[in-house]
C-alpha atoms as a PDB file:
ATOM      1  CA  MET A   1     205.045  27.847 126.345  1.00  0.00           C
ATOM      2  CA  SER A   2     205.184  25.929 123.246  1.00  0.00           C
ATOM      3  CA  ARG A   3     205.089  22.323 121.948  1.00  0.00           C
ATOM      4  CA  ASP A   4     208.169  20.653 120.478  1.00  0.00           C
ATOM      5  CA  LEU A   5     206.821  19.212 117.315  1.00  0.00           C
ATOM      6  CA  ASN A   6     209.139  16.247 117.167  1.00  0.00           C
ATOM      7  CA  SER A   7     208.606  14.967 120.598  1.00  0.00           C
ATOM      8  CA  GLY A   8     205.311  16.201 121.511  1.00  0.00           C
ATOM      9  CA  THR A   9     206.517  17.598 124.922  1.00  0.00           C
ATOM     10  CA  GLU A  10     205.872  20.945 126.131  1.00  0.00           C
ATOM     11  CA  ARG A  11     208.537  23.548 126.166  1.00  0.00           C
ATOM     12  CA  VAL A  12     209.067  26.216 128.763  1.00  0.00           C
ATOM     13  CA  GLY A  13     211.434  28.982 129.155  1.00  0.00           C
ATOM     14  CA  ILE A  14     213.750  29.329 132.059  1.00  0.00           C
ATOM     15  CA  ASP A  15     211.579  31.905 133.996  1.00  0.00           C
ATOM     16  CA  GLU A  16     208.513  29.682 133.808  1.00  0.00           C
ATOM     17  CA  LEU A  17     210.543  26.497 134.694  1.00  0.00           C
ATOM     18  CA  LEU A  18     212.015  28.598 137.566  1.00  0.00           C
ATOM     19  CA  GLU A  19     208.598  29.663 138.694  1.00  0.00           C
ATOM     20  CA  ARG A  20     207.102  26.076 138.672  1.00  0.00           C
ATOM     21  CA  VAL A  21     210.316  24.662 140.444  1.00  0.00           C
ATOM     22  CA  ARG A  22     209.937  27.308 143.296  1.00  0.00           C
ATOM     23  CA  ALA A  23     206.154  26.598 143.734  1.00  0.00           C
ATOM     24  CA  GLY A  24     207.362  23.138 145.062  1.00  0.00           C
ATOM     25  CA  PHE A  25     209.188  24.233 148.101  1.00  0.00           C
ATOM     26  CA  ASP A  26     209.281  27.154 150.635  1.00  0.00           C
ATOM     27  CA  ARG A  27     212.362  29.278 150.150  1.00  0.00           C
ATOM     28  CA  ILE A  28     213.980  31.014 153.052  1.00  0.00           C
ATOM     29  CA  GLY A  29     215.828  34.345 153.633  1.00  0.00           C
ATOM     30  CA  PRO A  30     219.350  34.794 155.054  1.00  0.00           C
ATOM     31  CA  HIS A  31     218.455  35.047 158.775  1.00  0.00           C
ATOM     32  CA  ALA A  32     216.100  31.956 158.409  1.00  0.00           C
ATOM     33  CA  ALA A  33     218.951  30.153 156.854  1.00  0.00           C
ATOM     34  CA  ALA A  34     221.463  31.134 159.546  1.00  0.00           C
ATOM     35  CA  ALA A  35     218.999  29.791 162.147  1.00  0.00           C
ATOM     36  CA  ALA A  36     218.212  26.558 160.375  1.00  0.00           C
ATOM     37  CA  ALA A  37     222.073  25.931 160.347  1.00  0.00           C
ATOM     38  CA  ALA A  38     222.218  26.741 164.057  1.00  0.00           C
ATOM     39  CA  HIS A  39     219.722  24.030 164.458  1.00  0.00           C
ATOM     40  CA  GLY A  40     221.454  21.323 162.346  1.00  0.00           C
ATOM     41  CA  ALA A  41     220.521  22.236 158.770  1.00  0.00           C
ATOM     42  CA  LEU A  42     223.216  21.671 156.283  1.00  0.00           C
ATOM     43  CA  LEU A  43     224.226  24.930 154.236  1.00  0.00           C
ATOM     44  CA  VAL A  44     225.553  23.873 150.938  1.00  0.00           C
ATOM     45  CA  ASP A  45     227.502  26.447 148.868  1.00  0.00           C
ATOM     46  CA  ILE A  46     227.299  25.519 145.062  1.00  0.00           C
ATOM     47  CA  ARG A  47     229.162  28.566 143.781  1.00  0.00           C
ATOM     48  CA  TYR A  48     232.126  27.964 141.458  1.00  0.00           C
ATOM     49  CA  ALA A  49     235.652  28.751 142.926  1.00  0.00           C
ATOM     50  CA  GLU A  50     236.112  32.320 141.378  1.00  0.00           C
ATOM     51  CA  LEU A  51     233.088  33.571 143.214  1.00  0.00           C
ATOM     52  CA  ARG A  52     234.150  31.925 146.536  1.00  0.00           C
ATOM     53  CA  ASP A  53     237.660  33.291 146.063  1.00  0.00           C
ATOM     54  CA  ARG A  54     236.342  36.684 145.217  1.00  0.00           C
ATOM     55  CA  ASP A  55     233.576  37.186 147.891  1.00  0.00           C
ATOM     56  CA  GLY A  56     234.279  34.580 150.683  1.00  0.00           C
ATOM     57  CA  LEU A  57     232.768  31.748 152.448  1.00  0.00           C
ATOM     58  CA  ILE A  58     229.766  31.246 154.717  1.00  0.00           C
ATOM     59  CA  PRO A  59     231.603  29.632 157.798  1.00  0.00           C
ATOM     60  CA  GLY A  60     230.408  26.055 158.279  1.00  0.00           C
ATOM     61  CA  ALA A  61     229.007  25.634 154.875  1.00  0.00           C
ATOM     62  CA  LEU A  62     229.705  22.561 152.753  1.00  0.00           C
ATOM     63  CA  VAL A  63     231.159  23.354 149.439  1.00  0.00           C
ATOM     64  CA  VAL A  64     230.033  21.358 146.584  1.00  0.00           C
ATOM     65  CA  GLU A  65     230.133  22.574 143.214  1.00  0.00           C
ATOM     66  CA  ARG A  66     226.806  22.366 141.180  1.00  0.00           C
ATOM     67  CA  ASN A  67     227.988  19.646 139.014  1.00  0.00           C
ATOM     68  CA  GLU A  68     228.788  17.383 141.968  1.00  0.00           C
ATOM     69  CA  LEU A  69     225.824  18.031 144.098  1.00  0.00           C
ATOM     70  CA  GLU A  70     223.494  15.172 143.473  1.00  0.00           C
ATOM     71  CA  TRP A  71     226.385  12.719 143.790  1.00  0.00           C
ATOM     72  CA  ARG A  72     227.481  14.207 147.048  1.00  0.00           C
ATOM     73  CA  LEU A  73     224.144  14.755 148.581  1.00  0.00           C
ATOM     74  CA  ASP A  74     222.607  11.446 147.741  1.00  0.00           C
ATOM     75  CA  PRO A  75     222.470   9.612 151.049  1.00  0.00           C
ATOM     76  CA  GLN A  76     222.381   6.304 149.154  1.00  0.00           C
ATOM     77  CA  GLY A  77     225.262   7.386 146.643  1.00  0.00           C
ATOM     78  CA  SER A  78     228.658   5.778 146.581  1.00  0.00           C
ATOM     79  CA  HIS A  79     230.112   9.404 146.364  1.00  0.00           C
ATOM     80  CA  ARG A  80     228.283  10.921 149.063  1.00  0.00           C
ATOM     81  CA  ALA A  81     229.888  13.534 151.399  1.00  0.00           C
ATOM     82  CA  PRO A  82     229.739  12.403 155.073  1.00  0.00           C
ATOM     83  CA  GLU A  83     227.301  15.118 155.860  1.00  0.00           C
ATOM     84  CA  ALA A  84     224.749  13.351 153.607  1.00  0.00           C
ATOM     85  CA  VAL A  85     223.204  11.311 156.531  1.00  0.00           C
ATOM     86  CA  GLY A  86     219.652  10.765 155.381  1.00  0.00           C
ATOM     87  CA  HIS A  87     216.844  11.827 153.409  1.00  0.00           C
ATOM     88  CA  ASP A  88     215.378  13.795 156.215  1.00  0.00           C
ATOM     89  CA  LEU A  89     218.250  16.209 156.358  1.00  0.00           C
ATOM     90  CA  GLN A  90     217.483  19.722 156.034  1.00  0.00           C
ATOM     91  CA  VAL A  91     219.631  21.229 153.226  1.00  0.00           C
ATOM     92  CA  VAL A  92     219.903  24.872 152.356  1.00  0.00           C
ATOM     93  CA  VAL A  93     221.437  25.320 148.887  1.00  0.00           C
ATOM     94  CA  VAL A  94     223.436  28.622 148.478  1.00  0.00           C
ATOM     95  CA  CYS A  95     224.314  30.001 145.048  1.00  0.00           C
ATOM     96  CA  ASN A  96     225.402  33.408 144.198  1.00  0.00           C
ATOM     97  CA  GLU A  97     222.101  35.221 143.781  1.00  0.00           C
ATOM     98  CA  GLY A  98     219.227  32.557 144.255  1.00  0.00           C
ATOM     99  CA  TYR A  99     218.695  31.327 140.880  1.00  0.00           C
ATOM    100  CA  ALA A 100     220.823  28.191 140.215  1.00  0.00           C
ATOM    101  CA  SER A 101     220.039  26.982 143.889  1.00  0.00           C
ATOM    102  CA  SER A 102     216.359  26.796 143.067  1.00  0.00           C
ATOM    103  CA  LEU A 103     217.075  24.428 140.144  1.00  0.00           C
ATOM    104  CA  ALA A 104     219.398  22.469 142.343  1.00  0.00           C
ATOM    105  CA  VAL A 105     216.703  21.982 144.990  1.00  0.00           C
ATOM    106  CA  ALA A 106     214.237  20.550 142.554  1.00  0.00           C
ATOM    107  CA  SER A 107     216.961  17.843 141.766  1.00  0.00           C
ATOM    108  CA  LEU A 108     217.678  17.101 145.448  1.00  0.00           C
ATOM    109  CA  GLN A 109     213.964  16.679 146.000  1.00  0.00           C
ATOM    110  CA  GLN A 110     213.893  14.240 143.315  1.00  0.00           C
ATOM    111  CA  LEU A 111     216.431  12.285 145.115  1.00  0.00           C
ATOM    112  CA  GLY A 112     214.258  12.140 148.155  1.00  0.00           C
ATOM    113  CA  LEU A 113     215.828  15.187 150.168  1.00  0.00           C
ATOM    114  CA  HIS A 114     212.130  16.484 150.723  1.00  0.00           C
ATOM    115  CA  ARG A 115     213.563  19.049 153.201  1.00  0.00           C
ATOM    116  CA  ALA A 116     215.921  20.785 150.747  1.00  0.00           C
ATOM    117  CA  THR A 117     215.388  24.414 150.170  1.00  0.00           C
ATOM    118  CA  ASP A 118     217.288  27.337 148.961  1.00  0.00           C
ATOM    119  CA  LEU A 119     218.369  30.833 150.203  1.00  0.00           C
ATOM    120  CA  ILE A 120     216.578  33.618 148.530  1.00  0.00           C
ATOM    121  CA  GLY A 121     219.074  36.035 147.007  1.00  0.00           C
ATOM    122  CA  GLY A 122     221.848  33.503 147.533  1.00  0.00           C
ATOM    123  CA  PHE A 123     225.389  34.420 148.885  1.00  0.00           C
ATOM    124  CA  GLN A 124     224.842  38.128 148.044  1.00  0.00           C
ATOM    125  CA  ALA A 125     221.630  38.386 150.103  1.00  0.00           C
ATOM    126  CA  TRP A 126     223.580  36.550 153.145  1.00  0.00           C
ATOM    127  CA  ARG A 127     226.358  39.204 152.976  1.00  0.00           C
ATOM    128  CA  ALA A 128     224.121  42.201 152.564  1.00  0.00           C
ATOM    129  CA  ALA A 129     222.224  41.069 155.795  1.00  0.00           C
ATOM    130  CA  GLY A 130     225.528  41.281 157.547  1.00  0.00           C
ATOM    131  CA  LEU A 131     225.801  37.487 158.403  1.00  0.00           C
ATOM    132  CA  PRO A 132     229.243  35.943 158.875  1.00  0.00           C
ATOM    133  CA  VAL A 133     231.530  35.689 155.825  1.00  0.00           C
ATOM    134  CA  ARG A 134     235.170  34.254 155.844  1.00  0.00           C
ATOM    135  CA  VAL A 135     237.274  36.076 153.405  1.00  0.00           C
ATOM    136  CA  ARG A 136     240.168  33.967 151.954  1.00  0.00           C
ATOM    137  CA  PRO A 137     243.463  35.784 152.035  1.00  0.00           C
ATOM    138  CA  ALA A 138     244.795  37.116 148.631  1.00  0.00           C
ATOM    139  CA  ALA A 139     247.450  34.818 147.216  1.00  0.00           C
ATOM    140  CA  GLY A 140     250.892  36.112 148.068  1.00  0.00           C
ATOM    141  CA  GLY A 141     249.378  38.606 150.347  1.00  0.00           C
ATOM    142  CA  ALA A 142     250.738  39.598 153.752  1.00  0.00           C
END
Protein backbone atom coordinates (compact mmCIF):
# COMPACT_ATOMS: atom_id res chain seq x y z
CA MET A 1 0.00 0.00 0.00
CA SER A 2 1.29 3.46 -0.84
CA ARG A 3 0.08 7.03 -1.07
CA ASP A 4 -0.43 8.94 -4.28
CA LEU A 5 1.53 12.12 -3.61
CA ASN A 6 -0.55 14.12 -6.08
CA SER A 7 -3.98 13.31 -4.67
CA GLY A 8 -3.21 12.20 -1.13
CA THR A 9 -5.29 9.05 -1.64
CA GLU A 10 -4.26 5.58 -0.68
CA ARG A 11 -3.17 3.24 -3.47
CA VAL A 12 -3.80 -0.47 -3.23
CA GLY A 13 -2.81 -3.28 -5.54
CA ILE A 14 -5.39 -5.52 -7.15
CA ASP A 15 -4.81 -8.38 -4.72
CA GLU A 16 -5.49 -6.17 -1.72
CA LEU A 17 -8.48 -4.56 -3.43
CA LEU A 18 -9.91 -8.00 -4.17
CA GLU A 19 -9.43 -9.05 -0.55
CA ARG A 20 -11.16 -5.89 0.72
CA VAL A 21 -14.06 -6.26 -1.70
CA ARG A 22 -14.60 -9.92 -0.84
CA ALA A 23 -14.70 -9.11 2.87
CA GLY A 24 -17.94 -7.23 2.17
CA PHE A 25 -20.03 -10.23 1.12
CA ASP A 26 -20.36 -14.01 1.41
CA ARG A 27 -19.24 -15.78 -1.75
CA ILE A 28 -20.84 -19.09 -2.68
CA GLY A 29 -19.70 -22.30 -4.35
CA PRO A 30 -21.15 -23.99 -7.40
CA HIS A 31 -23.72 -26.21 -5.66
CA ALA A 32 -24.91 -23.33 -3.48
CA ALA A 33 -25.24 -21.18 -6.61
CA ALA A 34 -27.31 -23.87 -8.33
CA ALA A 35 -29.53 -24.15 -5.25
CA ALA A 36 -29.92 -20.37 -5.08
CA ALA A 37 -30.93 -20.29 -8.75
CA ALA A 38 -33.48 -23.05 -8.10
CA HIS A 39 -34.97 -20.79 -5.42
CA GLY A 40 -35.20 -17.69 -7.60
CA ALA A 41 -31.72 -16.17 -7.58
CA LEU A 42 -30.55 -14.65 -10.83
CA LEU A 43 -27.32 -16.14 -12.18
CA VAL A 44 -25.55 -13.53 -14.30
CA ASP A 45 -22.78 -14.65 -16.65
CA ILE A 46 -20.39 -11.74 -17.32
CA ARG A 47 -17.86 -13.69 -19.40
CA TYR A 48 -17.06 -12.35 -22.83
CA ALA A 49 -18.44 -14.04 -25.95
CA GLU A 50 -15.29 -15.98 -26.83
CA LEU A 51 -15.32 -17.79 -23.47
CA ARG A 52 -19.04 -18.52 -23.71
CA ASP A 53 -18.58 -19.88 -27.24
CA ARG A 54 -15.60 -21.97 -26.18
CA ASP A 55 -16.88 -23.38 -22.90
CA GLY A 56 -20.66 -23.14 -23.03
CA LEU A 57 -23.38 -21.54 -20.95
CA ILE A 58 -25.07 -22.18 -17.65
CA PRO A 59 -28.69 -22.97 -18.54
CA GLY A 60 -31.00 -20.21 -17.33
CA ALA A 61 -28.22 -17.70 -16.64
CA LEU A 62 -28.67 -14.15 -17.86
CA VAL A 63 -25.76 -13.18 -20.10
CA VAL A 64 -24.61 -9.60 -19.53
CA GLU A 65 -21.08 -8.71 -20.50
CA ARG A 66 -19.17 -6.94 -17.75
CA ASN A 67 -19.17 -3.52 -19.39
CA GLU A 68 -23.00 -3.46 -19.37
CA LEU A 69 -23.63 -5.01 -15.97
CA GLU A 70 -24.55 -1.99 -13.87
CA TRP A 71 -26.84 -0.57 -16.55
CA ARG A 72 -28.66 -3.88 -17.02
CA LEU A 73 -29.09 -4.77 -13.33
CA ASP A 74 -29.91 -1.39 -11.79
CA PRO A 75 -33.62 -1.76 -10.95
CA GLN A 76 -34.01 2.02 -11.38
CA GLY A 77 -32.02 2.21 -14.61
CA SER A 78 -33.46 3.15 -17.98
CA HIS A 79 -31.56 0.27 -19.63
CA ARG A 80 -32.35 -2.41 -17.08
CA ALA A 81 -32.99 -6.02 -18.01
CA PRO A 82 -36.54 -7.28 -17.34
CA GLU A 83 -35.03 -9.61 -14.70
CA ALA A 84 -33.78 -6.63 -12.65
CA VAL A 85 -36.96 -6.46 -10.58
CA GLY A 86 -35.71 -4.83 -7.39
CA HIS A 87 -32.89 -4.17 -4.98
CA ASP A 88 -33.75 -7.27 -2.95
CA LEU A 89 -33.07 -9.60 -5.88
CA GLN A 90 -30.46 -12.22 -5.11
CA VAL A 91 -27.84 -12.03 -7.85
CA VAL A 92 -24.98 -14.48 -8.32
CA VAL A 93 -22.36 -13.09 -10.68
CA VAL A 94 -20.36 -15.62 -12.69
CA CYS A 95 -17.11 -14.84 -14.49
CA ASN A 96 -14.61 -17.35 -15.81
CA GLU A 97 -12.60 -18.08 -12.65
CA GLY A 98 -14.10 -15.96 -9.85
CA TYR A 99 -12.00 -12.79 -9.91
CA ALA A 100 -13.77 -10.21 -12.08
CA SER A 101 -17.07 -11.29 -10.58
CA SER A 102 -15.97 -10.17 -7.10
CA LEU A 103 -15.22 -6.67 -8.36
CA ALA A 104 -18.55 -6.65 -10.22
CA VAL A 105 -20.41 -7.55 -7.02
CA ALA A 106 -18.86 -4.58 -5.22
CA SER A 107 -20.22 -2.33 -7.93
CA LEU A 108 -23.69 -3.91 -7.79
CA GLN A 109 -23.77 -3.51 -4.02
CA GLN A 110 -23.03 0.20 -4.46
CA LEU A 111 -26.18 0.33 -6.58
CA GLY A 112 -28.15 -1.13 -3.67
CA LEU A 113 -28.27 -4.77 -4.75
CA HIS A 114 -27.39 -5.87 -1.24
CA ARG A 115 -27.92 -9.60 -1.91
CA ALA A 116 -25.41 -9.71 -4.78
CA THR A 117 -22.63 -12.27 -4.49
CA ASP A 118 -20.38 -14.23 -6.79
CA LEU A 119 -19.47 -17.79 -7.62
CA ILE A 120 -16.20 -18.97 -6.11
CA GLY A 121 -14.09 -20.28 -8.98
CA GLY A 122 -16.49 -18.95 -11.59
CA PHE A 123 -17.77 -20.89 -14.57
CA GLN A 124 -14.79 -23.22 -14.44
CA ALA A 125 -15.74 -24.35 -10.92
CA TRP A 126 -19.39 -24.77 -12.01
CA ARG A 127 -18.34 -27.04 -14.87
CA ALA A 128 -15.81 -28.96 -12.72
CA ALA A 129 -18.59 -29.63 -10.20
CA GLY A 130 -20.52 -31.45 -12.93
CA LEU A 131 -23.35 -28.93 -13.00
CA PRO A 132 -25.32 -28.43 -16.23
CA VAL A 133 -23.61 -26.65 -19.12
CA ARG A 134 -25.17 -25.99 -22.50
CA VAL A 135 -22.55 -26.16 -25.23
CA ARG A 136 -23.14 -24.12 -28.34
CA PRO A 137 -22.89 -26.07 -31.59
CA ALA A 138 -19.80 -25.32 -33.64
CA ALA A 139 -20.41 -22.98 -36.58
CA GLY A 140 -21.00 -24.98 -39.73
CA GLY A 141 -21.05 -28.21 -37.74
CA ALA A 142 -23.45 -31.06 -38.33
